[in-house]
């Protein structure tokens, strides 16, 4: 399926709402519990998502001004930021998740229409138009809302988002075909998350 900038902005808002609702339900003990990603607690996940909002905000600034502003200074700086965020008190980490998401949404809301075609460079080194930024963010908030392991599953994500996600990951993994099954299960499988598809070959991690 084809996706538009408006689609991605909508999915980003929906995913952010889902994720922040889960974050707001975490107390210090549940924050420190394991999430759905091996080796990461929920504090690591929330710090990662908050840092991602600030990093994507750098790309929006780049698009708006033409001033080269990378997402992260380096991979080491990215990892260090997540580690610092994971050590924050629960109240501060929750506030960062909300405030960073709001800053990013505000920056996108005032970006002039013509600047959405400005080229920026992702943390993976890909040169893309700024119109890809909401899609990058929608993947983060939607998939990591599931990874928080608070009861949200792929079936709770927007169906149109899941369809676009399958197309996106299938292309990035270089797959010609994918196993048949329910859309949420296929999306979970491609994203390297737990799935119930029978006989599907193992895939490596994705996001």
C-alpha atoms as a PDB file:
ATOM      1  CA  UNK A   1       0.000   0.000   0.000  1.00  0.00           C
ATOM      2  CA  UNK A   2       1.081   3.599  -0.482  1.00  0.00           C
ATOM      3  CA  UNK A   3       1.252   5.842   2.549  1.00  0.00           C
ATOM      4  CA  UNK A   4       0.996   9.608   2.662  1.00  0.00           C
ATOM      5  CA  UNK A   5       2.451  12.231   4.966  1.00  0.00           C
ATOM      6  CA  UNK A   6      -1.028  12.684   6.448  1.00  0.00           C
ATOM      7  CA  UNK A   7      -1.254   8.933   7.088  1.00  0.00           C
ATOM      8  CA  UNK A   8       2.061   8.884   8.925  1.00  0.00           C
ATOM      9  CA  UNK A   9       1.199  11.961  10.999  1.00  0.00           C
ATOM     10  CA  UNK A  10      -2.081  10.284  12.003  1.00  0.00           C
ATOM     11  CA  UNK A  11      -0.408   6.984  12.943  1.00  0.00           C
ATOM     12  CA  UNK A  12       2.254   8.856  14.853  1.00  0.00           C
ATOM     13  CA  UNK A  13      -0.395  10.570  16.967  1.00  0.00           C
ATOM     14  CA  UNK A  14      -2.277   7.323  17.548  1.00  0.00           C
ATOM     15  CA  UNK A  15       0.885   5.454  18.521  1.00  0.00           C
ATOM     16  CA  UNK A  16       2.028   8.256  20.793  1.00  0.00           C
ATOM     17  CA  UNK A  17      -1.326   8.232  22.580  1.00  0.00           C
ATOM     18  CA  UNK A  18      -1.121   4.457  23.100  1.00  0.00           C
ATOM     19  CA  UNK A  19       2.457   4.554  24.301  1.00  0.00           C
ATOM     20  CA  UNK A  20       2.067   7.491  26.681  1.00  0.00           C
ATOM     21  CA  UNK A  21      -1.079   5.972  28.198  1.00  0.00           C
ATOM     22  CA  UNK A  22       0.998   2.894  29.057  1.00  0.00           C
ATOM     23  CA  UNK A  23       3.866   5.006  30.375  1.00  0.00           C
ATOM     24  CA  UNK A  24       1.485   6.924  32.636  1.00  0.00           C
ATOM     25  CA  UNK A  25       0.427   3.635  34.213  1.00  0.00           C
ATOM     26  CA  UNK A  26       3.956   2.675  35.263  1.00  0.00           C
ATOM     27  CA  UNK A  27       5.057   3.041  38.877  1.00  0.00           C
ATOM     28  CA  UNK A  28       8.754   2.829  39.871  1.00  0.00           C
ATOM     29  CA  UNK A  29       8.608  -0.935  40.383  1.00  0.00           C
ATOM     30  CA  UNK A  30       6.909  -1.658  37.060  1.00  0.00           C
ATOM     31  CA  UNK A  31       9.281   0.747  35.298  1.00  0.00           C
ATOM     32  CA  UNK A  32      12.198  -1.378  36.469  1.00  0.00           C
ATOM     33  CA  UNK A  33      10.619  -4.624  35.248  1.00  0.00           C
ATOM     34  CA  UNK A  34      11.648  -6.263  32.002  1.00  0.00           C
ATOM     35  CA  UNK A  35       9.867  -5.147  28.863  1.00  0.00           C
ATOM     36  CA  UNK A  36       9.417  -7.131  25.692  1.00  0.00           C
ATOM     37  CA  UNK A  37      12.940  -6.552  24.352  1.00  0.00           C
ATOM     38  CA  UNK A  38      15.714  -8.833  25.630  1.00  0.00           C
ATOM     39  CA  UNK A  39      18.072  -7.103  28.036  1.00  0.00           C
ATOM     40  CA  UNK A  40      16.011  -3.910  28.323  1.00  0.00           C
ATOM     41  CA  UNK A  41      13.826  -2.804  31.197  1.00  0.00           C
ATOM     42  CA  UNK A  42      10.879  -0.535  30.578  1.00  0.00           C
ATOM     43  CA  UNK A  43      13.052   2.381  31.713  1.00  0.00           C
ATOM     44  CA  UNK A  44      15.424   1.695  28.816  1.00  0.00           C
ATOM     45  CA  UNK A  45      12.517   1.523  26.370  1.00  0.00           C
ATOM     46  CA  UNK A  46      10.930   4.771  27.531  1.00  0.00           C
ATOM     47  CA  UNK A  47      14.294   6.559  27.567  1.00  0.00           C
ATOM     48  CA  UNK A  48      14.932   5.310  24.037  1.00  0.00           C
ATOM     49  CA  UNK A  49      11.563   6.546  22.776  1.00  0.00           C
ATOM     50  CA  UNK A  50      11.989   9.936  24.476  1.00  0.00           C
ATOM     51  CA  UNK A  51      15.498  10.348  23.083  1.00  0.00           C
ATOM     52  CA  UNK A  52      14.207   9.344  19.651  1.00  0.00           C
ATOM     53  CA  UNK A  53      11.656  12.174  19.724  1.00  0.00           C
ATOM     54  CA  UNK A  54      14.395  14.692  20.490  1.00  0.00           C
ATOM     55  CA  UNK A  55      16.626  13.185  17.790  1.00  0.00           C
ATOM     56  CA  UNK A  56      13.901  13.338  15.153  1.00  0.00           C
ATOM     57  CA  UNK A  57      13.288  16.901  16.288  1.00  0.00           C
ATOM     58  CA  UNK A  58      16.848  17.591  15.165  1.00  0.00           C
ATOM     59  CA  UNK A  59      15.887  16.396  11.682  1.00  0.00           C
ATOM     60  CA  UNK A  60      12.815  18.636  11.646  1.00  0.00           C
ATOM     61  CA  UNK A  61      15.091  21.559  12.579  1.00  0.00           C
ATOM     62  CA  UNK A  62      17.432  20.547   9.745  1.00  0.00           C
ATOM     63  CA  UNK A  63      14.521  20.525   7.306  1.00  0.00           C
ATOM     64  CA  UNK A  64      13.185  23.845   8.559  1.00  0.00           C
ATOM     65  CA  UNK A  65      16.458  25.776   8.546  1.00  0.00           C
ATOM     66  CA  UNK A  66      18.835  23.936   6.230  1.00  0.00           C
ATOM     67  CA  UNK A  67      21.279  23.756   9.146  1.00  0.00           C
ATOM     68  CA  UNK A  68      22.759  20.249   9.251  1.00  0.00           C
ATOM     69  CA  UNK A  69      21.581  18.784  12.559  1.00  0.00           C
ATOM     70  CA  UNK A  70      22.178  15.016  12.879  1.00  0.00           C
ATOM     71  CA  UNK A  71      19.888  12.895  15.003  1.00  0.00           C
ATOM     72  CA  UNK A  72      22.773  11.916  17.289  1.00  0.00           C
ATOM     73  CA  UNK A  73      26.376  13.104  17.532  1.00  0.00           C
ATOM     74  CA  UNK A  74      27.504   9.472  17.386  1.00  0.00           C
ATOM     75  CA  UNK A  75      26.244   5.946  18.100  1.00  0.00           C
ATOM     76  CA  UNK A  76      28.072   6.139  21.439  1.00  0.00           C
ATOM     77  CA  UNK A  77      26.272   9.371  22.328  1.00  0.00           C
ATOM     78  CA  UNK A  78      22.956   7.736  21.446  1.00  0.00           C
ATOM     79  CA  UNK A  79      23.649   4.751  23.725  1.00  0.00           C
ATOM     80  CA  UNK A  80      24.875   7.003  26.536  1.00  0.00           C
ATOM     81  CA  UNK A  81      21.709   9.102  26.339  1.00  0.00           C
ATOM     82  CA  UNK A  82      19.510   6.036  26.723  1.00  0.00           C
ATOM     83  CA  UNK A  83      21.599   4.855  29.675  1.00  0.00           C
ATOM     84  CA  UNK A  84      21.319   8.261  31.372  1.00  0.00           C
ATOM     85  CA  UNK A  85      17.583   8.385  30.777  1.00  0.00           C
ATOM     86  CA  UNK A  86      17.116   4.904  32.213  1.00  0.00           C
ATOM     87  CA  UNK A  87      18.604   6.135  35.492  1.00  0.00           C
ATOM     88  CA  UNK A  88      16.134   8.994  35.861  1.00  0.00           C
ATOM     89  CA  UNK A  89      13.477   8.826  38.584  1.00  0.00           C
ATOM     90  CA  UNK A  90      10.189   7.485  37.238  1.00  0.00           C
ATOM     91  CA  UNK A  91       8.467  10.875  37.415  1.00  0.00           C
ATOM     92  CA  UNK A  92      11.227  12.587  35.434  1.00  0.00           C
ATOM     93  CA  UNK A  93      11.351   9.839  32.824  1.00  0.00           C
ATOM     94  CA  UNK A  94       7.590  10.035  32.315  1.00  0.00           C
ATOM     95  CA  UNK A  95       7.815  13.808  31.958  1.00  0.00           C
ATOM     96  CA  UNK A  96      10.602  13.477  29.383  1.00  0.00           C
ATOM     97  CA  UNK A  97       8.506  11.037  27.348  1.00  0.00           C
ATOM     98  CA  UNK A  98       5.592  13.489  27.278  1.00  0.00           C
ATOM     99  CA  UNK A  99       7.605  16.659  26.740  1.00  0.00           C
ATOM    100  CA  UNK A 100       9.798  15.249  23.965  1.00  0.00           C
ATOM    101  CA  UNK A 101       6.736  13.922  22.113  1.00  0.00           C
ATOM    102  CA  UNK A 102       5.026  17.303  22.439  1.00  0.00           C
ATOM    103  CA  UNK A 103       8.118  19.178  21.197  1.00  0.00           C
ATOM    104  CA  UNK A 104       8.319  16.946  18.140  1.00  0.00           C
ATOM    105  CA  UNK A 105       4.614  17.294  17.337  1.00  0.00           C
ATOM    106  CA  UNK A 106       4.840  21.082  17.687  1.00  0.00           C
ATOM    107  CA  UNK A 107       7.904  21.290  15.453  1.00  0.00           C
ATOM    108  CA  UNK A 108       6.157  19.246  12.754  1.00  0.00           C
ATOM    109  CA  UNK A 109       2.986  21.318  13.018  1.00  0.00           C
ATOM    110  CA  UNK A 110       4.815  24.541  12.104  1.00  0.00           C
ATOM    111  CA  UNK A 111       7.103  23.101   9.421  1.00  0.00           C
ATOM    112  CA  UNK A 112       6.217  24.896   6.157  1.00  0.00           C
ATOM    113  CA  UNK A 113       4.680  22.639   3.513  1.00  0.00           C
ATOM    114  CA  UNK A 114       7.546  23.107   1.077  1.00  0.00           C
ATOM    115  CA  UNK A 115      10.157  22.098   3.694  1.00  0.00           C
ATOM    116  CA  UNK A 116       8.734  18.565   3.956  1.00  0.00           C
ATOM    117  CA  UNK A 117      10.705  17.782   0.788  1.00  0.00           C
ATOM    118  CA  UNK A 118      14.007  18.983   2.265  1.00  0.00           C
ATOM    119  CA  UNK A 119      16.555  16.198   2.507  1.00  0.00           C
ATOM    120  CA  UNK A 120      17.835  14.988   5.883  1.00  0.00           C
ATOM    121  CA  UNK A 121      20.000  12.049   6.939  1.00  0.00           C
ATOM    122  CA  UNK A 122      18.781   9.363   9.336  1.00  0.00           C
ATOM    123  CA  UNK A 123      20.843   7.770  12.105  1.00  0.00           C
ATOM    124  CA  UNK A 124      21.412   4.837   9.718  1.00  0.00           C
ATOM    125  CA  UNK A 125      22.929   7.175   7.139  1.00  0.00           C
ATOM    126  CA  UNK A 126      19.992   7.178   4.704  1.00  0.00           C
ATOM    127  CA  UNK A 127      19.187  10.435   2.911  1.00  0.00           C
ATOM    128  CA  UNK A 128      15.411  10.881   2.924  1.00  0.00           C
ATOM    129  CA  UNK A 129      12.906  13.719   2.520  1.00  0.00           C
ATOM    130  CA  UNK A 130      11.662  15.215   5.766  1.00  0.00           C
ATOM    131  CA  UNK A 131       8.266  13.718   4.957  1.00  0.00           C
ATOM    132  CA  UNK A 132       9.705  10.375   6.126  1.00  0.00           C
ATOM    133  CA  UNK A 133      10.199  11.669   9.686  1.00  0.00           C
ATOM    134  CA  UNK A 134       6.590  11.043  10.835  1.00  0.00           C
ATOM    135  CA  UNK A 135       6.776   7.500   9.455  1.00  0.00           C
ATOM    136  CA  UNK A 136      10.020   6.876  11.350  1.00  0.00           C
ATOM    137  CA  UNK A 137       8.366   8.125  14.517  1.00  0.00           C
ATOM    138  CA  UNK A 138       5.135   6.185  13.997  1.00  0.00           C
ATOM    139  CA  UNK A 139       7.148   2.951  13.784  1.00  0.00           C
ATOM    140  CA  UNK A 140       8.942   3.802  17.021  1.00  0.00           C
ATOM    141  CA  UNK A 141       5.902   4.674  19.101  1.00  0.00           C
ATOM    142  CA  UNK A 142       3.633   1.941  17.746  1.00  0.00           C
ATOM    143  CA  UNK A 143       6.074  -0.967  17.947  1.00  0.00           C
ATOM    144  CA  UNK A 144       7.562   0.111  21.268  1.00  0.00           C
ATOM    145  CA  UNK A 145       4.075   0.548  22.738  1.00  0.00           C
ATOM    146  CA  UNK A 146       3.851  -3.215  22.265  1.00  0.00           C
ATOM    147  CA  UNK A 147       7.380  -3.750  23.603  1.00  0.00           C
ATOM    148  CA  UNK A 148       6.450  -2.121  26.924  1.00  0.00           C
ATOM    149  CA  UNK A 149       4.522  -5.337  27.636  1.00  0.00           C
ATOM    150  CA  UNK A 150       1.666  -3.623  29.442  1.00  0.00           C
ATOM    151  CA  UNK A 151      -1.066  -5.430  27.500  1.00  0.00           C
ATOM    152  CA  UNK A 152      -0.907  -3.714  24.107  1.00  0.00           C
ATOM    153  CA  UNK A 153      -0.427  -6.090  21.170  1.00  0.00           C
ATOM    154  CA  UNK A 154       0.037  -5.681  17.434  1.00  0.00           C
ATOM    155  CA  UNK A 155      -3.710  -6.269  17.050  1.00  0.00           C
ATOM    156  CA  UNK A 156      -4.267  -2.987  18.954  1.00  0.00           C
ATOM    157  CA  UNK A 157      -2.313  -0.957  16.364  1.00  0.00           C
ATOM    158  CA  UNK A 158      -4.084   0.700  13.414  1.00  0.00           C
ATOM    159  CA  UNK A 159      -4.693  -1.803  10.609  1.00  0.00           C
ATOM    160  CA  UNK A 160      -3.506   0.615   7.927  1.00  0.00           C
ATOM    161  CA  UNK A 161      -0.299   1.186   9.882  1.00  0.00           C
ATOM    162  CA  UNK A 162       0.286  -2.566  10.112  1.00  0.00           C
ATOM    163  CA  UNK A 163      -0.210  -2.953   6.359  1.00  0.00           C
ATOM    164  CA  UNK A 164       2.326  -0.182   5.677  1.00  0.00           C
ATOM    165  CA  UNK A 165       4.710  -1.686   8.224  1.00  0.00           C
ATOM    166  CA  UNK A 166       4.598  -5.076   6.501  1.00  0.00           C
ATOM    167  CA  UNK A 167       5.419  -3.476   3.151  1.00  0.00           C
ATOM    168  CA  UNK A 168       8.246  -1.461   4.709  1.00  0.00           C
ATOM    169  CA  UNK A 169       9.938  -4.291   6.609  1.00  0.00           C
ATOM    170  CA  UNK A 170       9.463  -6.779   3.786  1.00  0.00           C
ATOM    171  CA  UNK A 171      11.381  -4.445   1.479  1.00  0.00           C
ATOM    172  CA  UNK A 172      14.097  -3.705   4.040  1.00  0.00           C
ATOM    173  CA  UNK A 173      14.601  -7.408   4.728  1.00  0.00           C
ATOM    174  CA  UNK A 174      14.672  -8.149   1.002  1.00  0.00           C
ATOM    175  CA  UNK A 175      11.878 -10.713   1.222  1.00  0.00           C
ATOM    176  CA  UNK A 176       9.928 -11.729  -1.862  1.00  0.00           C
ATOM    177  CA  UNK A 177       7.133 -13.359   0.115  1.00  0.00           C
ATOM    178  CA  UNK A 178       5.937 -13.525   3.708  1.00  0.00           C
ATOM    179  CA  UNK A 179       3.997 -16.296   5.494  1.00  0.00           C
ATOM    180  CA  UNK A 180       0.241 -16.088   5.324  1.00  0.00           C
ATOM    181  CA  UNK A 181      -1.741 -15.269   8.444  1.00  0.00           C
ATOM    182  CA  UNK A 182      -3.501 -12.498  10.323  1.00  0.00           C
ATOM    183  CA  UNK A 183      -2.021  -9.077   9.631  1.00  0.00           C
ATOM    184  CA  UNK A 184      -0.978  -8.413  13.270  1.00  0.00           C
ATOM    185  CA  UNK A 185       0.870 -11.748  13.395  1.00  0.00           C
ATOM    186  CA  UNK A 186       2.606 -11.137  10.076  1.00  0.00           C
ATOM    187  CA  UNK A 187       3.690  -7.662  11.232  1.00  0.00           C
ATOM    188  CA  UNK A 188       4.948  -9.027  14.555  1.00  0.00           C
ATOM    189  CA  UNK A 189       6.870 -11.777  12.754  1.00  0.00           C
ATOM    190  CA  UNK A 190       8.548  -9.358  10.354  1.00  0.00           C
ATOM    191  CA  UNK A 191       9.378  -6.991  13.218  1.00  0.00           C
ATOM    192  CA  UNK A 192      11.148  -9.781  15.100  1.00  0.00           C
ATOM    193  CA  UNK A 193       8.549  -9.876  17.863  1.00  0.00           C
ATOM    194  CA  UNK A 194       6.682 -12.912  19.270  1.00  0.00           C
ATOM    195  CA  UNK A 195       4.226 -14.364  16.767  1.00  0.00           C
ATOM    196  CA  UNK A 196       1.957 -17.360  16.298  1.00  0.00           C
ATOM    197  CA  UNK A 197       2.558 -18.151  12.611  1.00  0.00           C
ATOM    198  CA  UNK A 198       3.177 -21.856  12.090  1.00  0.00           C
ATOM    199  CA  UNK A 199       6.297 -22.913  10.204  1.00  0.00           C
ATOM    200  CA  UNK A 200       7.613 -19.396   9.579  1.00  0.00           C
ATOM    201  CA  UNK A 201      11.420 -19.271   9.149  1.00  0.00           C
ATOM    202  CA  UNK A 202      13.323 -17.401  11.856  1.00  0.00           C
ATOM    203  CA  UNK A 203      14.285 -13.789  11.144  1.00  0.00           C
ATOM    204  CA  UNK A 204      16.850 -11.613  12.869  1.00  0.00           C
ATOM    205  CA  UNK A 205      16.024  -8.445  14.824  1.00  0.00           C
ATOM    206  CA  UNK A 206      14.636  -5.417  13.022  1.00  0.00           C
ATOM    207  CA  UNK A 207      13.953  -2.364  15.280  1.00  0.00           C
END
